[in-house]
Amino acid sequence: MSSRSATKAQMLQENITSLIKQLPAILVEYTTLAGELAAALPNQFETFAKAPQ
């Protein structure tokens, strides 16, 4: 936290518990969105040819 201002470091320290409590829900939302995106972009990686070595 040395690169943060004293005020921002204090705010983070005061709110870190709340942020940690939100993490499980954030991860569920992230994985849900990632699954939806993967379904919307089928075979996106299969379209690229491997570069010769």
Protein backbone atom coordinates (compact mmCIF):
# COMPACT_ATOMS: atom_id res chain seq x y z
CA MET A 1 0.00 0.00 0.00
CA SER A 2 3.00 2.31 -0.02
CA SER A 3 2.07 3.65 -3.48
CA ARG A 4 -1.38 4.73 -2.30
CA SER A 5 -2.19 7.98 -0.64
CA ALA A 6 -2.78 7.73 3.09
CA THR A 7 -6.49 8.45 2.60
CA LYS A 8 -6.96 5.74 -0.01
CA ALA A 9 -4.95 3.25 2.03
CA GLN A 10 -7.17 3.96 5.03
CA MET A 11 -10.33 3.54 2.92
CA LEU A 12 -9.08 0.21 1.61
CA GLN A 13 -8.21 -0.97 5.07
CA GLU A 14 -11.67 -0.01 6.35
CA ASN A 15 -13.47 -1.75 3.48
CA ILE A 16 -11.33 -4.84 2.88
CA THR A 17 -13.62 -7.07 4.95
CA SER A 18 -16.63 -6.02 2.89
CA LEU A 19 -14.72 -6.63 -0.32
CA ILE A 20 -13.66 -10.10 0.81
CA LYS A 21 -17.27 -10.99 1.68
CA GLN A 22 -18.33 -10.03 -1.86
CA LEU A 23 -15.68 -12.18 -3.53
CA PRO A 24 -17.65 -15.48 -3.73
CA ALA A 25 -20.59 -13.76 -5.47
CA ILE A 26 -18.24 -11.91 -7.80
CA LEU A 27 -16.53 -15.17 -8.78
CA VAL A 28 -19.88 -16.86 -9.46
CA GLU A 29 -20.94 -13.96 -11.68
CA TYR A 30 -17.58 -13.98 -13.45
CA THR A 31 -17.71 -17.70 -14.22
CA THR A 32 -21.33 -17.44 -15.37
CA LEU A 33 -20.47 -14.61 -17.74
CA ALA A 34 -17.39 -16.48 -18.97
CA GLY A 35 -19.56 -19.51 -19.73
CA GLU A 36 -22.03 -17.39 -21.65
CA LEU A 37 -19.24 -15.78 -23.61
CA ALA A 38 -17.68 -19.14 -24.41
CA ALA A 39 -21.02 -20.39 -25.70
CA ALA A 40 -21.41 -17.28 -27.86
CA LEU A 41 -17.97 -17.76 -29.41
CA PRO A 42 -17.81 -21.45 -30.28
CA ASN A 43 -14.56 -22.74 -31.71
CA GLN A 44 -12.89 -19.33 -31.55
CA PHE A 45 -9.48 -20.82 -30.83
CA GLU A 46 -9.78 -23.58 -33.40
CA THR A 47 -9.83 -21.04 -36.24
CA PHE A 48 -6.19 -20.05 -35.75
CA ALA A 49 -3.46 -22.06 -37.41
CA LYS A 50 -0.44 -22.91 -35.31
CA ALA A 51 2.59 -20.94 -36.40
CA PRO A 52 5.38 -23.03 -37.91
CA GLN A 53 8.42 -23.38 -35.67
